[in-house]
Amino acid sequence: MSLQSMTGFARLDGQTGRYQWGWELRSVNGKGLDVRLRLPNGFERLEPEARRLMALHFSRGNIQATLSIQTSEARVQAEINQAALDAVLMLRDQLAGLIDPAPVRLDTLLSIRGIVDFKDAPEDPEALEALDRDIMQALDTVSVSMRSMREAEGTALDHILRSQIDTIEALTSLVEEDPSRSPEQIRARLEAQLAAIMDAATGFDRDRLHGEMALLATKADVREEIDRLKAHVAAARELLAKGGPAGRKLDFLAQEFNRESNTICSKSNSAAVTAAGIELKVVIDQFREQVQNLE
């Protein structure tokens, strides 16, 4: 299964009978799946099925789905307000002796407000079913198109993330192989520090100082951090190889990467190790920024 980015766009237009419609989908980063539907008045009935379809194709991202509909021809029907018409005719009869009793003309009736109402003609139920079916099929198709775009960007991110993981692994090896971590170097450094302390002061228990220095040396060792970094590198590669919605898990690993690099920097007693730790932090920050784009 391919990785998906959370950013994408797709559009699809079509026509059913006298209706011209179009779907437009836009997707950006999000903590979960947040689908915002914009449907024309009268088409709210499509919302439950539309949300179900979107959840089949996407598991994460802020997605805006907009449906636009226009009619190529107007269909209206005239409705006579019988009560208003009866009132006008009654008034004509009442004024028959006072005004010209000529018959009331149709254009006169049409000019009287409220006699005739023009309304949209009701759509044939079968035509509405066909329209709904075409619109939902189009939503499925346009979702596949946006998914393909997100997968293409996910593939590009996959290459970037693998390169960054390689760099993290190389910097971890650099820390592991640094001469300052060799037993000889550690012993020489501790002996020099101990000698400086003993020369500068009196009254110290040499055996106790040796014990304290050994404890400090143990606390300063970054073996555990190196091992955890290697484990996180292996886990990240496994997630990328597996594909699918791996963004949250990779984001967690990025936090763990950062924690170990911080500890290495704080324990470091070598300029080379400190420099490698700082470079690790830079690469890990870049890694996490890219992971934020993944589904």
Protein backbone atom coordinates (compact mmCIF):
# COMPACT_ATOMS: atom_id res chain seq x y z
CA MET A 1 0.00 0.00 0.00
CA SER A 2 1.38 3.39 -1.00
CA LEU A 3 1.99 6.29 1.31
CA GLN A 4 -0.35 9.22 0.87
CA SER A 5 0.29 12.90 1.32
CA MET A 6 -2.57 14.84 2.87
CA THR A 7 -2.54 17.56 0.22
CA GLY A 8 -4.39 17.10 -3.03
CA PHE A 9 -6.91 18.51 -5.50
CA ALA A 10 -9.32 17.06 -8.04
CA ARG A 11 -12.31 18.24 -10.07
CA LEU A 12 -14.92 16.47 -12.19
CA ASP A 13 -17.79 17.97 -14.22
CA GLY A 14 -20.75 16.24 -15.81
CA GLN A 15 -24.35 16.54 -16.94
CA THR A 16 -27.51 14.60 -16.17
CA GLY A 17 -30.59 15.63 -18.08
CA ARG A 18 -31.01 19.37 -17.75
CA TYR A 19 -28.58 19.53 -14.80
CA GLN A 20 -24.92 20.47 -15.13
CA TRP A 21 -22.94 19.56 -12.04
CA GLY A 22 -19.36 19.59 -10.80
CA TRP A 23 -17.40 18.23 -7.83
CA GLU A 24 -14.29 20.00 -6.53
CA LEU A 25 -12.17 18.37 -3.82
CA ARG A 26 -9.34 20.02 -1.88
CA SER A 27 -7.28 18.37 0.84
CA VAL A 28 -4.75 19.76 3.33
CA ASN A 29 -3.04 18.51 6.48
CA GLY A 30 -5.15 17.55 9.48
CA LYS A 31 -4.88 15.58 12.71
CA GLY A 32 -7.78 13.34 11.67
CA LEU A 33 -10.30 13.07 8.86
CA ASP A 34 -12.39 16.23 8.69
CA VAL A 35 -14.71 16.34 5.66
CA ARG A 36 -16.47 19.63 5.02
CA LEU A 37 -19.25 19.29 2.48
CA ARG A 38 -20.75 22.21 0.59
CA LEU A 39 -23.97 21.09 -1.06
CA PRO A 40 -26.56 23.23 -2.89
CA ASN A 41 -29.92 23.80 -1.23
CA GLY A 42 -32.13 20.80 -1.68
CA PHE A 43 -29.27 18.31 -1.96
CA GLU A 44 -28.61 17.82 1.75
CA ARG A 45 -29.97 14.29 1.30
CA LEU A 46 -26.63 13.32 -0.28
CA GLU A 47 -24.52 14.18 2.77
CA PRO A 48 -24.56 10.81 4.66
CA GLU A 49 -23.58 8.81 1.56
CA ALA A 50 -20.98 11.40 0.57
CA ARG A 51 -19.31 11.18 3.98
CA ARG A 52 -19.34 7.38 3.82
CA LEU A 53 -17.62 7.45 0.42
CA MET A 54 -14.94 9.90 1.56
CA ALA A 55 -14.14 7.74 4.58
CA LEU A 56 -13.57 4.76 2.27
CA HIS A 57 -10.88 6.62 0.32
CA PHE A 58 -9.20 8.73 3.02
CA SER A 59 -8.30 8.26 6.67
CA ARG A 60 -6.74 11.63 7.44
CA GLY A 61 -6.74 15.23 6.24
CA ASN A 62 -8.97 18.28 6.15
CA ILE A 63 -11.02 17.76 2.99
CA GLN A 64 -13.36 20.29 1.44
CA ALA A 65 -15.82 18.81 -1.06
CA THR A 66 -17.96 21.27 -3.01
CA LEU A 67 -20.84 20.32 -5.29
CA SER A 68 -22.09 22.93 -7.76
CA ILE A 69 -25.27 22.43 -9.81
CA GLN A 70 -26.82 24.50 -12.58
CA THR A 71 -29.81 23.89 -14.83
CA SER A 72 -29.47 24.35 -18.57
CA GLU A 73 -33.17 25.20 -18.94
CA ALA A 74 -35.78 26.54 -16.57
CA ARG A 75 -38.92 24.53 -15.95
CA VAL A 76 -41.77 26.54 -14.44
CA GLN A 77 -45.46 26.05 -13.97
CA ALA A 78 -48.25 28.56 -13.42
CA GLU A 79 -50.55 28.23 -10.44
CA ILE A 80 -53.76 30.25 -10.20
CA ASN A 81 -54.68 31.71 -6.84
CA GLN A 82 -58.37 30.84 -7.10
CA ALA A 83 -59.37 32.86 -4.04
CA ALA A 84 -57.70 35.98 -5.41
CA LEU A 85 -59.27 35.44 -8.85
CA ASP A 86 -62.75 35.02 -7.31
CA ALA A 87 -62.27 38.23 -5.36
CA VAL A 88 -61.34 40.15 -8.53
CA LEU A 89 -64.34 38.80 -10.44
CA MET A 90 -66.64 39.58 -7.55
CA LEU A 91 -65.32 43.11 -7.47
CA ARG A 92 -65.98 43.42 -11.20
CA ASP A 93 -69.59 42.34 -10.68
CA GLN A 94 -70.01 44.78 -7.83
CA LEU A 95 -68.76 47.65 -9.98
CA ALA A 96 -70.67 46.60 -13.09
CA GLY A 97 -72.97 49.64 -12.99
CA LEU A 98 -70.17 52.07 -12.36
CA ILE A 99 -67.46 51.05 -14.84
CA ASP A 100 -67.21 49.62 -18.30
CA PRO A 101 -68.53 46.03 -18.03
CA ALA A 102 -66.11 44.76 -20.68
CA PRO A 103 -64.81 41.22 -20.06
CA VAL A 104 -61.64 40.94 -18.02
CA ARG A 105 -58.68 40.23 -20.30
CA LEU A 106 -56.00 37.68 -19.54
CA ASP A 107 -53.18 40.23 -19.71
CA THR A 108 -55.10 42.30 -17.16
CA LEU A 109 -55.36 39.35 -14.81
CA LEU A 110 -51.66 38.57 -15.22
CA SER A 111 -50.79 42.12 -14.27
CA ILE A 112 -52.64 41.82 -10.97
CA ARG A 113 -50.22 40.66 -8.31
CA GLY A 114 -51.13 37.39 -6.64
CA ILE A 115 -53.52 36.07 -9.29
CA VAL A 116 -50.95 33.83 -10.97
CA ASP A 117 -47.83 32.43 -9.32
CA PHE A 118 -44.97 30.99 -11.37
CA LYS A 119 -43.02 28.26 -9.58
CA ASP A 120 -40.33 25.73 -10.45
CA ALA A 121 -41.97 22.65 -11.81
CA PRO A 122 -41.41 19.56 -9.65
CA GLU A 123 -38.78 17.24 -11.04
CA ASP A 124 -39.69 13.75 -12.10
CA PRO A 125 -38.70 11.30 -9.28
CA GLU A 126 -36.89 9.02 -11.72
CA ALA A 127 -34.91 11.97 -13.08
CA LEU A 128 -33.90 12.93 -9.53
CA GLU A 129 -32.80 9.37 -8.81
CA ALA A 130 -30.65 9.39 -11.93
CA LEU A 131 -29.16 12.75 -10.93
CA ASP A 132 -28.33 11.55 -7.41
CA ARG A 133 -26.80 8.35 -8.78
CA ASP A 134 -24.59 10.20 -11.26
CA ILE A 135 -23.48 12.73 -8.66
CA MET A 136 -22.46 10.05 -6.16
CA GLN A 137 -20.66 8.00 -8.82
CA ALA A 138 -18.80 11.16 -9.78
CA LEU A 139 -17.82 11.75 -6.14
CA ASP A 140 -16.35 8.25 -6.01
CA THR A 141 -14.44 8.89 -9.25
CA VAL A 142 -13.10 12.30 -8.21
CA SER A 143 -12.06 10.85 -4.84
CA VAL A 144 -9.99 8.23 -6.65
CA SER A 145 -8.37 11.03 -8.69
CA MET A 146 -7.43 13.01 -5.59
CA ARG A 147 -6.23 9.85 -3.89
CA SER A 148 -3.93 9.21 -6.87
CA MET A 149 -2.55 12.73 -6.54
CA ARG A 150 -1.98 12.24 -2.81
CA GLU A 151 -0.25 8.91 -3.47
CA ALA A 152 2.04 10.50 -6.09
CA GLU A 153 3.08 13.13 -3.59
CA GLY A 154 3.39 10.42 -0.95
CA THR A 155 5.85 8.57 -3.18
CA ALA A 156 7.96 11.73 -3.45
CA LEU A 157 7.85 12.15 0.33
CA ASP A 158 8.86 8.51 0.73
CA HIS A 159 12.14 9.16 -1.13
CA ILE A 160 12.82 12.26 0.99
CA LEU A 161 12.10 10.46 4.26
CA ARG A 162 14.28 7.46 3.35
CA SER A 163 17.16 9.82 2.57
CA GLN A 164 16.72 11.58 5.90
CA ILE A 165 16.61 8.25 7.75
CA ASP A 166 19.87 7.27 6.01
CA THR A 167 21.40 10.51 7.26
CA ILE A 168 20.16 9.85 10.81
CA GLU A 169 21.70 6.38 10.66
CA ALA A 170 25.02 7.75 9.36
CA LEU A 171 25.19 10.40 12.10
CA THR A 172 24.36 7.77 14.72
CA SER A 173 27.26 5.66 13.45
CA LEU A 174 29.49 8.73 13.58
CA VAL A 175 28.64 9.19 17.26
CA GLU A 176 29.12 5.48 17.93
CA GLU A 177 32.55 5.38 16.28
CA ASP A 178 33.86 8.64 17.74
CA PRO A 179 37.28 8.04 19.42
CA SER A 180 36.13 9.84 22.55
CA ARG A 181 33.90 6.84 23.33
CA SER A 182 36.78 4.31 23.38
CA PRO A 183 37.67 2.87 26.81
CA GLU A 184 41.22 4.19 26.46
CA GLN A 185 40.06 7.73 25.78
CA ILE A 186 37.55 7.63 28.61
CA ARG A 187 40.17 6.27 31.02
CA ALA A 188 42.73 8.87 30.02
CA ARG A 189 40.21 11.70 30.34
CA LEU A 190 39.06 10.56 33.78
CA GLU A 191 42.59 10.07 35.03
CA ALA A 192 43.54 13.56 33.91
CA GLN A 193 40.48 15.03 35.64
CA LEU A 194 41.15 13.06 38.79
CA ALA A 195 44.78 14.12 38.85
CA ALA A 196 43.77 17.78 38.49
CA ILE A 197 41.37 17.45 41.39
CA MET A 198 43.90 15.74 43.64
CA ASP A 199 46.58 18.29 42.88
CA ALA A 200 44.28 21.19 43.62
CA ALA A 201 42.93 20.03 46.94
CA THR A 202 43.68 17.81 49.91
CA GLY A 203 41.57 15.69 52.14
CA PHE A 204 39.80 13.76 49.39
CA ASP A 205 39.24 10.03 49.62
CA ARG A 206 40.93 8.71 46.48
CA ASP A 207 38.90 5.48 46.42
CA ARG A 208 35.66 7.35 46.77
CA LEU A 209 36.68 9.75 44.01
CA HIS A 210 37.45 6.80 41.74
CA GLY A 211 33.97 5.43 42.41
CA GLU A 212 32.32 8.76 41.72
CA MET A 213 34.28 9.20 38.49
CA ALA A 214 33.28 5.71 37.35
CA LEU A 215 29.62 6.55 38.04
CA LEU A 216 29.91 9.77 36.06
CA ALA A 217 31.52 7.89 33.20
CA THR A 218 28.61 5.43 33.17
CA LYS A 219 26.03 8.25 33.15
CA ALA A 220 27.87 10.02 30.36
CA ASP A 221 27.91 6.96 28.12
CA VAL A 222 25.54 7.28 25.11
CA ARG A 223 25.38 3.56 24.31
CA GLU A 224 21.69 3.31 25.18
CA GLU A 225 20.81 6.35 23.07
CA ILE A 226 22.73 4.93 20.11
CA ASP A 227 20.94 1.58 20.42
CA ARG A 228 17.52 3.27 20.62
CA LEU A 229 18.31 5.44 17.59
CA LYS A 230 19.21 2.33 15.62
CA ALA A 231 15.96 0.67 16.69
CA HIS A 232 13.95 3.75 15.68
CA VAL A 233 15.70 3.82 12.29
CA ALA A 234 14.72 0.20 11.70
CA ALA A 235 11.12 0.89 12.79
CA ALA A 236 10.84 3.92 10.49
CA ARG A 237 12.09 1.93 7.51
CA GLU A 238 9.61 -0.83 8.28
CA LEU A 239 6.74 1.66 8.37
CA LEU A 240 7.78 3.20 5.05
CA ALA A 241 8.05 -0.24 3.48
CA LYS A 242 4.62 -1.21 4.76
CA GLY A 243 3.01 2.00 3.46
CA GLY A 244 -0.56 3.05 4.15
CA PRO A 245 -1.55 5.63 6.78
CA ALA A 246 1.77 5.76 8.65
CA GLY A 247 1.91 9.47 9.42
CA ARG A 248 0.99 9.30 13.11
CA LYS A 249 3.44 6.47 13.86
CA LEU A 250 6.27 8.20 12.01
CA ASP A 251 5.51 11.42 13.89
CA PHE A 252 5.86 9.50 17.16
CA LEU A 253 9.22 8.11 15.99
CA ALA A 254 10.33 11.63 15.09
CA GLN A 255 9.68 12.66 18.68
CA GLU A 256 11.70 9.70 19.92
CA PHE A 257 14.53 10.55 17.51
CA ASN A 258 14.56 14.07 18.90
CA ARG A 259 14.61 12.86 22.52
CA GLU A 260 17.65 10.65 21.93
CA SER A 261 19.55 13.37 20.04
CA ASN A 262 18.90 15.83 22.90
CA THR A 263 20.28 13.33 25.39
CA ILE A 264 23.38 12.72 23.28
CA CYS A 265 24.07 16.46 23.14
CA SER A 266 23.61 16.82 26.90
CA LYS A 267 25.94 13.88 27.69
CA SER A 268 28.57 14.69 25.09
CA ASN A 269 32.12 15.47 26.22
CA SER A 270 33.49 15.63 22.68
CA ALA A 271 33.19 18.45 20.17
CA ALA A 272 32.73 15.91 17.37
CA VAL A 273 29.90 14.12 19.18
CA THR A 274 28.22 17.44 20.01
CA ALA A 275 28.45 18.52 16.38
CA ALA A 276 26.95 15.20 15.24
CA GLY A 277 24.19 15.54 17.83
CA ILE A 278 23.32 19.02 16.63
CA GLU A 279 23.27 17.83 13.03
CA LEU A 280 21.01 14.98 14.13
CA LYS A 281 18.56 17.49 15.60
CA VAL A 282 18.50 19.46 12.34
CA VAL A 283 17.82 16.38 10.21
CA ILE A 284 15.20 15.09 12.66
CA ASP A 285 13.36 18.43 12.57
CA GLN A 286 13.33 18.22 8.77
CA PHE A 287 12.13 14.63 8.98
CA ARG A 288 9.27 15.58 11.28
CA GLU A 289 8.21 18.48 9.05
CA GLN A 290 7.87 16.10 6.11
CA VAL A 291 6.06 13.50 8.22
CA GLN A 292 3.43 16.12 9.09
CA ASN A 293 2.31 15.93 5.44
CA LEU A 294 1.65 12.18 5.51
CA GLU A 295 -1.74 10.56 5.98
